[in-house]
Amino acid sequence: MVFVLDTNKRPLAPCHEAVARKLLKQGKAAIYRRFPFTIILKKSVDESEIKATYRLKIDYGSRHTGLAILRGTRSGYG
């Protein structure tokens, strides 16, 4: 997934790599940061279009720590 910012640098919903490639090729977006890879849109987005809720999950492993971005507000385990 690719992080997306609007023209005011507000975070939007992440998009798939293919969608980001398409936006970059059409000139509708530009690369904002390479790590983590983030694009910034050249056209502003209406407030009503921003409605997804995301949360960060952290998996503390013995050697590595894993990170996941999940959509929604579900807090249960199954």
PDB file of N, CA and C in Angstrom:
ATOM      1  N   MET A   1       0.828  -1.183   0.000  1.00  0.00           N
ATOM      2  CA  MET A   1       0.000   0.000   0.000  1.00  0.00           C
ATOM      3  C   MET A   1       0.875   1.249   0.000  1.00  0.00           C
ATOM      4  N   VAL A   2       0.365   2.296  -0.610  1.00  0.00           N
ATOM      5  CA  VAL A   2       1.085   3.561  -0.739  1.00  0.00           C
ATOM      6  C   VAL A   2       0.315   4.623   0.049  1.00  0.00           C
ATOM      7  N   PHE A   3       1.030   5.377   0.873  1.00  0.00           N
ATOM      8  CA  PHE A   3       0.412   6.462   1.622  1.00  0.00           C
ATOM      9  C   PHE A   3       0.095   7.614   0.681  1.00  0.00           C
ATOM     10  N   VAL A   4      -1.036   8.308   0.951  1.00  0.00           N
ATOM     11  CA  VAL A   4      -1.498   9.384   0.079  1.00  0.00           C
ATOM     12  C   VAL A   4      -1.774  10.628   0.932  1.00  0.00           C
ATOM     13  N   LEU A   5      -1.330  11.779   0.436  1.00  0.00           N
ATOM     14  CA  LEU A   5      -1.624  13.064   1.064  1.00  0.00           C
ATOM     15  C   LEU A   5      -2.386  13.926   0.072  1.00  0.00           C
ATOM     16  N   ASP A   6      -3.270  14.795   0.589  1.00  0.00           N
ATOM     17  CA  ASP A   6      -3.922  15.737  -0.315  1.00  0.00           C
ATOM     18  C   ASP A   6      -3.035  16.973  -0.460  1.00  0.00           C
ATOM     19  N   THR A   7      -3.494  17.979  -1.166  1.00  0.00           N
ATOM     20  CA  THR A   7      -2.665  19.155  -1.437  1.00  0.00           C
ATOM     21  C   THR A   7      -2.329  19.936  -0.172  1.00  0.00           C
ATOM     22  N   ASN A   8      -3.145  19.773   0.883  1.00  0.00           N
ATOM     23  CA  ASN A   8      -2.896  20.448   2.159  1.00  0.00           C
ATOM     24  C   ASN A   8      -2.084  19.578   3.122  1.00  0.00           C
ATOM     25  N   LYS A   9      -1.519  18.487   2.625  1.00  0.00           N
ATOM     26  CA  LYS A   9      -0.695  17.534   3.380  1.00  0.00           C
ATOM     27  C   LYS A   9      -1.463  16.824   4.487  1.00  0.00           C
ATOM     28  N   ARG A  10      -2.782  16.647   4.290  1.00  0.00           N
ATOM     29  CA  ARG A  10      -3.583  15.849   5.211  1.00  0.00           C
ATOM     30  C   ARG A  10      -3.594  14.415   4.715  1.00  0.00           C
ATOM     31  N   PRO A  11      -3.463  13.436   5.612  1.00  0.00           N
ATOM     32  CA  PRO A  11      -3.436  12.037   5.171  1.00  0.00           C
ATOM     33  C   PRO A  11      -4.796  11.562   4.662  1.00  0.00           C
ATOM     34  N   LEU A  12      -4.754  10.809   3.580  1.00  0.00           N
ATOM     35  CA  LEU A  12      -5.944  10.178   3.020  1.00  0.00           C
ATOM     36  C   LEU A  12      -5.784   8.671   3.147  1.00  0.00           C
ATOM     37  N   ALA A  13      -6.754   7.939   2.649  1.00  0.00           N
ATOM     38  CA  ALA A  13      -6.695   6.483   2.688  1.00  0.00           C
ATOM     39  C   ALA A  13      -5.557   5.984   1.810  1.00  0.00           C
ATOM     40  N   PRO A  14      -4.777   5.013   2.282  1.00  0.00           N
ATOM     41  CA  PRO A  14      -3.721   4.441   1.440  1.00  0.00           C
ATOM     42  C   PRO A  14      -4.321   3.795   0.198  1.00  0.00           C
ATOM     43  N   CYS A  15      -3.551   3.771  -0.879  1.00  0.00           N
ATOM     44  CA  CYS A  15      -4.041   3.160  -2.118  1.00  0.00           C
ATOM     45  C   CYS A  15      -3.086   2.051  -2.553  1.00  0.00           C
ATOM     46  N   HIS A  16      -3.538   1.259  -3.479  1.00  0.00           N
ATOM     47  CA  HIS A  16      -2.737   0.163  -4.027  1.00  0.00           C
ATOM     48  C   HIS A  16      -1.617   0.729  -4.894  1.00  0.00           C
ATOM     49  N   GLU A  17      -0.542  -0.031  -5.037  1.00  0.00           N
ATOM     50  CA  GLU A  17       0.608   0.427  -5.813  1.00  0.00           C
ATOM     51  C   GLU A  17       0.254   0.728  -7.262  1.00  0.00           C
ATOM     52  N   ALA A  18      -0.636  -0.071  -7.848  1.00  0.00           N
ATOM     53  CA  ALA A  18      -1.027   0.145  -9.242  1.00  0.00           C
ATOM     54  C   ALA A  18      -1.784   1.458  -9.409  1.00  0.00           C
ATOM     55  N   VAL A  19      -2.619   1.786  -8.443  1.00  0.00           N
ATOM     56  CA  VAL A  19      -3.363   3.045  -8.498  1.00  0.00           C
ATOM     57  C   VAL A  19      -2.395   4.222  -8.367  1.00  0.00           C
ATOM     58  N   ALA A  20      -1.417   4.095  -7.469  1.00  0.00           N
ATOM     59  CA  ALA A  20      -0.422   5.162  -7.299  1.00  0.00           C
ATOM     60  C   ALA A  20       0.391   5.351  -8.574  1.00  0.00           C
ATOM     61  N   ARG A  21       0.788   4.253  -9.223  1.00  0.00           N
ATOM     62  CA  ARG A  21       1.526   4.338 -10.490  1.00  0.00           C
ATOM     63  C   ARG A  21       0.708   5.062 -11.549  1.00  0.00           C
ATOM     64  N   LYS A  22      -0.585   4.744 -11.600  1.00  0.00           N
ATOM     65  CA  LYS A  22      -1.475   5.367 -12.579  1.00  0.00           C
ATOM     66  C   LYS A  22      -1.600   6.868 -12.325  1.00  0.00           C
ATOM     67  N   LEU A  23      -1.760   7.272 -11.056  1.00  0.00           N
ATOM     68  CA  LEU A  23      -1.864   8.688 -10.718  1.00  0.00           C
ATOM     69  C   LEU A  23      -0.576   9.432 -11.061  1.00  0.00           C
ATOM     70  N   LEU A  24       0.568   8.801 -10.796  1.00  0.00           N
ATOM     71  CA  LEU A  24       1.848   9.437 -11.110  1.00  0.00           C
ATOM     72  C   LEU A  24       2.034   9.579 -12.624  1.00  0.00           C
ATOM     73  N   LYS A  25       1.674   8.547 -13.370  1.00  0.00           N
ATOM     74  CA  LYS A  25       1.835   8.574 -14.829  1.00  0.00           C
ATOM     75  C   LYS A  25       0.918   9.609 -15.484  1.00  0.00           C
ATOM     76  N   GLN A  26      -0.295   9.783 -14.943  1.00  0.00           N
ATOM     77  CA  GLN A  26      -1.250  10.752 -15.492  1.00  0.00           C
ATOM     78  C   GLN A  26      -0.949  12.181 -15.046  1.00  0.00           C
ATOM     79  N   GLY A  27      -0.012  12.359 -14.122  1.00  0.00           N
ATOM     80  CA  GLY A  27       0.336  13.685 -13.647  1.00  0.00           C
ATOM     81  C   GLY A  27      -0.609  14.227 -12.597  1.00  0.00           C
ATOM     82  N   LYS A  28      -1.433  13.367 -12.013  1.00  0.00           N
ATOM     83  CA  LYS A  28      -2.375  13.799 -10.985  1.00  0.00           C
ATOM     84  C   LYS A  28      -1.761  13.778  -9.591  1.00  0.00           C
ATOM     85  N   ALA A  29      -0.567  13.214  -9.460  1.00  0.00           N
ATOM     86  CA  ALA A  29       0.112  13.130  -8.169  1.00  0.00           C
ATOM     87  C   ALA A  29       1.617  13.259  -8.383  1.00  0.00           C
ATOM     88  N   ALA A  30       2.303  13.529  -7.285  1.00  0.00           N
ATOM     89  CA  ALA A  30       3.760  13.628  -7.310  1.00  0.00           C
ATOM     90  C   ALA A  30       4.309  12.851  -6.112  1.00  0.00           C
ATOM     91  N   ILE A  31       5.562  12.454  -6.183  1.00  0.00           N
ATOM     92  CA  ILE A  31       6.194  11.751  -5.078  1.00  0.00           C
ATOM     93  C   ILE A  31       6.518  12.770  -3.995  1.00  0.00           C
ATOM     94  N   TYR A  32       6.018  12.511  -2.778  1.00  0.00           N
ATOM     95  CA  TYR A  32       6.264  13.411  -1.648  1.00  0.00           C
ATOM     96  C   TYR A  32       7.461  12.919  -0.836  1.00  0.00           C
ATOM     97  N   ARG A  33       7.525  11.617  -0.599  1.00  0.00           N
ATOM     98  CA  ARG A  33       8.612  11.027   0.176  1.00  0.00           C
ATOM     99  C   ARG A  33       8.879   9.624  -0.352  1.00  0.00           C
ATOM    100  N   ARG A  34      10.119   9.217  -0.378  1.00  0.00           N
ATOM    101  CA  ARG A  34      10.456   7.889  -0.896  1.00  0.00           C
ATOM    102  C   ARG A  34      10.397   6.807   0.172  1.00  0.00           C
ATOM    103  N   PHE A  35      10.691   7.128   1.435  1.00  0.00           N
ATOM    104  CA  PHE A  35      10.604   6.137   2.498  1.00  0.00           C
ATOM    105  C   PHE A  35       9.946   6.751   3.710  1.00  0.00           C
ATOM    106  N   PRO A  36       8.788   6.318   4.147  1.00  0.00           N
ATOM    107  CA  PRO A  36       7.913   5.390   3.444  1.00  0.00           C
ATOM    108  C   PRO A  36       7.335   6.064   2.202  1.00  0.00           C
ATOM    109  N   PHE A  37       7.167   5.279   1.153  1.00  0.00           N
ATOM    110  CA  PHE A  37       6.748   5.842  -0.127  1.00  0.00           C
ATOM    111  C   PHE A  37       5.397   6.516   0.026  1.00  0.00           C
ATOM    112  N   THR A  38       5.370   7.812  -0.261  1.00  0.00           N
ATOM    113  CA  THR A  38       4.176   8.633  -0.088  1.00  0.00           C
ATOM    114  C   THR A  38       3.998   9.508  -1.319  1.00  0.00           C
ATOM    115  N   ILE A  39       2.753   9.607  -1.794  1.00  0.00           N
ATOM    116  CA  ILE A  39       2.467  10.503  -2.908  1.00  0.00           C
ATOM    117  C   ILE A  39       1.580  11.634  -2.406  1.00  0.00           C
ATOM    118  N   ILE A  40       1.647  12.762  -3.091  1.00  0.00           N
ATOM    119  CA  ILE A  40       0.808  13.907  -2.761  1.00  0.00           C
ATOM    120  C   ILE A  40      -0.013  14.250  -4.001  1.00  0.00           C
ATOM    121  N   LEU A  41      -1.313  14.410  -3.808  1.00  0.00           N
ATOM    122  CA  LEU A  41      -2.207  14.720  -4.925  1.00  0.00           C
ATOM    123  C   LEU A  41      -2.075  16.184  -5.310  1.00  0.00           C
ATOM    124  N   LYS A  42      -2.231  16.459  -6.588  1.00  0.00           N
ATOM    125  CA  LYS A  42      -2.143  17.831  -7.079  1.00  0.00           C
ATOM    126  C   LYS A  42      -3.493  18.537  -7.027  1.00  0.00           C
ATOM    127  N   LYS A  43      -4.578  17.777  -6.866  1.00  0.00           N
ATOM    128  CA  LYS A  43      -5.916  18.348  -6.798  1.00  0.00           C
ATOM    129  C   LYS A  43      -6.449  18.153  -5.376  1.00  0.00           C
ATOM    130  N   SER A  44      -7.123  19.165  -4.837  1.00  0.00           N
ATOM    131  CA  SER A  44      -7.644  19.059  -3.470  1.00  0.00           C
ATOM    132  C   SER A  44      -8.812  18.081  -3.412  1.00  0.00           C
ATOM    133  N   VAL A  45      -9.030  17.524  -2.227  1.00  0.00           N
ATOM    134  CA  VAL A  45     -10.085  16.543  -2.001  1.00  0.00           C
ATOM    135  C   VAL A  45     -11.078  17.129  -1.018  1.00  0.00           C
ATOM    136  N   ASP A  46     -12.367  16.925  -1.265  1.00  0.00           N
ATOM    137  CA  ASP A  46     -13.423  17.435  -0.403  1.00  0.00           C
ATOM    138  C   ASP A  46     -13.407  16.704   0.940  1.00  0.00           C
ATOM    139  N   GLU A  47     -13.735  17.393   2.031  1.00  0.00           N
ATOM    140  CA  GLU A  47     -13.764  16.810   3.378  1.00  0.00           C
ATOM    141  C   GLU A  47     -14.701  15.611   3.454  1.00  0.00           C
ATOM    142  N   SER A  48     -15.827  15.645   2.737  1.00  0.00           N
ATOM    143  CA  SER A  48     -16.807  14.571   2.827  1.00  0.00           C
ATOM    144  C   SER A  48     -16.285  13.264   2.239  1.00  0.00           C
ATOM    145  N   GLU A  49     -15.250  13.322   1.404  1.00  0.00           N
ATOM    146  CA  GLU A  49     -14.692  12.111   0.808  1.00  0.00           C
ATOM    147  C   GLU A  49     -13.751  11.387   1.755  1.00  0.00           C
ATOM    148  N   ILE A  50     -13.341  12.029   2.847  1.00  0.00           N
ATOM    149  CA  ILE A  50     -12.436  11.416   3.811  1.00  0.00           C
ATOM    150  C   ILE A  50     -13.286  10.808   4.913  1.00  0.00           C
ATOM    151  N   LYS A  51     -13.473   9.487   4.885  1.00  0.00           N
ATOM    152  CA  LYS A  51     -14.358   8.871   5.863  1.00  0.00           C
ATOM    153  C   LYS A  51     -13.832   7.555   6.427  1.00  0.00           C
ATOM    154  N   ALA A  52     -12.728   7.037   5.959  1.00  0.00           N
ATOM    155  CA  ALA A  52     -12.212   5.763   6.440  1.00  0.00           C
ATOM    156  C   ALA A  52     -11.482   5.946   7.761  1.00  0.00           C
ATOM    157  N   THR A  53     -11.623   4.958   8.642  1.00  0.00           N
ATOM    158  CA  THR A  53     -10.930   4.950   9.914  1.00  0.00           C
ATOM    159  C   THR A  53      -9.881   3.848   9.881  1.00  0.00           C
ATOM    160  N   TYR A  54      -8.676   4.172  10.290  1.00  0.00           N
ATOM    161  CA  TYR A  54      -7.595   3.210  10.291  1.00  0.00           C
ATOM    162  C   TYR A  54      -6.990   3.126  11.679  1.00  0.00           C
ATOM    163  N   ARG A  55      -6.371   1.982  11.965  1.00  0.00           N
ATOM    164  CA  ARG A  55      -5.667   1.829  13.234  1.00  0.00           C
ATOM    165  C   ARG A  55      -4.385   1.059  13.007  1.00  0.00           C
ATOM    166  N   LEU A  56      -3.445   1.260  13.886  1.00  0.00           N
ATOM    167  CA  LEU A  56      -2.133   0.630  13.790  1.00  0.00           C
ATOM    168  C   LEU A  56      -2.061  -0.528  14.762  1.00  0.00           C
ATOM    169  N   LYS A  57      -1.644  -1.699  14.290  1.00  0.00           N
ATOM    170  CA  LYS A  57      -1.441  -2.861  15.142  1.00  0.00           C
ATOM    171  C   LYS A  57       0.048  -3.162  15.161  1.00  0.00           C
ATOM    172  N   ILE A  58       0.567  -3.465  16.332  1.00  0.00           N
ATOM    173  CA  ILE A  58       1.988  -3.748  16.501  1.00  0.00           C
ATOM    174  C   ILE A  58       2.142  -5.170  17.020  1.00  0.00           C
ATOM    175  N   ASP A  59       3.003  -5.946  16.371  1.00  0.00           N
ATOM    176  CA  ASP A  59       3.298  -7.312  16.782  1.00  0.00           C
ATOM    177  C   ASP A  59       4.740  -7.340  17.270  1.00  0.00           C
ATOM    178  N   TYR A  60       4.901  -7.426  18.588  1.00  0.00           N
ATOM    179  CA  TYR A  60       6.239  -7.450  19.175  1.00  0.00           C
ATOM    180  C   TYR A  60       6.774  -8.874  19.097  1.00  0.00           C
ATOM    181  N   GLY A  61       7.705  -9.099  18.190  1.00  0.00           N
ATOM    182  CA  GLY A  61       8.316 -10.404  18.047  1.00  0.00           C
ATOM    183  C   GLY A  61       9.599 -10.490  18.855  1.00  0.00           C
ATOM    184  N   SER A  62      10.196 -11.673  18.877  1.00  0.00           N
ATOM    185  CA  SER A  62      11.432 -11.835  19.635  1.00  0.00           C
ATOM    186  C   SER A  62      12.617 -11.178  18.935  1.00  0.00           C
ATOM    187  N   ARG A  63      12.583 -11.122  17.606  1.00  0.00           N
ATOM    188  CA  ARG A  63      13.674 -10.491  16.860  1.00  0.00           C
ATOM    189  C   ARG A  63      13.253  -9.234  16.111  1.00  0.00           C
ATOM    190  N   HIS A  64      12.048  -9.239  15.582  1.00  0.00           N
ATOM    191  CA  HIS A  64      11.577  -8.121  14.769  1.00  0.00           C
ATOM    192  C   HIS A  64      10.201  -7.675  15.257  1.00  0.00           C
ATOM    193  N   THR A  65       9.918  -6.425  15.028  1.00  0.00           N
ATOM    194  CA  THR A  65       8.598  -5.887  15.356  1.00  0.00           C
ATOM    195  C   THR A  65       7.833  -5.675  14.055  1.00  0.00           C
ATOM    196  N   GLY A  66       6.622  -6.204  13.988  1.00  0.00           N
ATOM    197  CA  GLY A  66       5.799  -6.071  12.795  1.00  0.00           C
ATOM    198  C   GLY A  66       4.748  -5.000  12.972  1.00  0.00           C
ATOM    199  N   LEU A  67       4.458  -4.278  11.903  1.00  0.00           N
ATOM    200  CA  LEU A  67       3.452  -3.235  11.916  1.00  0.00           C
ATOM    201  C   LEU A  67       2.405  -3.538  10.857  1.00  0.00           C
ATOM    202  N   ALA A  68       1.148  -3.242  11.182  1.00  0.00           N
ATOM    203  CA  ALA A  68       0.059  -3.428  10.224  1.00  0.00           C
ATOM    204  C   ALA A  68      -0.920  -2.272  10.368  1.00  0.00           C
ATOM    205  N   ILE A  69      -1.413  -1.780   9.243  1.00  0.00           N
ATOM    206  CA  ILE A  69      -2.450  -0.750   9.244  1.00  0.00           C
ATOM    207  C   ILE A  69      -3.757  -1.432   8.864  1.00  0.00           C
ATOM    208  N   LEU A  70      -4.741  -1.345   9.758  1.00  0.00           N
ATOM    209  CA  LEU A  70      -6.013  -2.004   9.559  1.00  0.00           C
ATOM    210  C   LEU A  70      -7.121  -0.983   9.370  1.00  0.00           C
ATOM    211  N   ARG A  71      -8.066  -1.312   8.514  1.00  0.00           N
ATOM    212  CA  ARG A  71      -9.201  -0.429   8.259  1.00  0.00           C
ATOM    213  C   ARG A  71     -10.341  -0.815   9.213  1.00  0.00           C
ATOM    214  N   GLY A  72     -11.032   0.174   9.751  1.00  0.00           N
ATOM    215  CA  GLY A  72     -12.169  -0.083  10.632  1.00  0.00           C
ATOM    216  C   GLY A  72     -11.833   0.130  12.090  1.00  0.00           C
ATOM    217  N   THR A  73     -12.842  -0.090  12.950  1.00  0.00           N
ATOM    218  CA  THR A  73     -12.672   0.138  14.372  1.00  0.00           C
ATOM    219  C   THR A  73     -12.866  -1.122  15.191  1.00  0.00           C
ATOM    220  N   ARG A  74     -12.880  -2.276  14.563  1.00  0.00           N
ATOM    221  CA  ARG A  74     -13.105  -3.525  15.263  1.00  0.00           C
ATOM    222  C   ARG A  74     -11.967  -3.807  16.234  1.00  0.00           C
ATOM    223  N   SER A  75     -12.276  -4.153  17.474  1.00  0.00           N
ATOM    224  CA  SER A  75     -11.232  -4.364  18.461  1.00  0.00           C
ATOM    225  C   SER A  75     -11.186  -5.796  18.963  1.00  0.00           C
ATOM    226  N   GLY A  76     -12.097  -6.648  18.527  1.00  0.00           N
ATOM    227  CA  GLY A  76     -12.128  -8.029  18.986  1.00  0.00           C
ATOM    228  C   GLY A  76     -11.112  -8.905  18.276  1.00  0.00           C
ATOM    229  N   TYR A  77     -11.036 -10.142  18.692  1.00  0.00           N
ATOM    230  CA  TYR A  77     -10.093 -11.097  18.114  1.00  0.00           C
ATOM    231  C   TYR A  77     -10.766 -12.156  17.289  1.00  0.00           C
ATOM    232  N   GLY A  78     -11.783 -11.938  16.608  1.00  0.00           N
ATOM    233  CA  GLY A  78     -12.295 -13.022  15.792  1.00  0.00           C
ATOM    234  C   GLY A  78     -13.717 -13.009  15.682  1.00  0.00           C
TER     235      GLY A  78
END
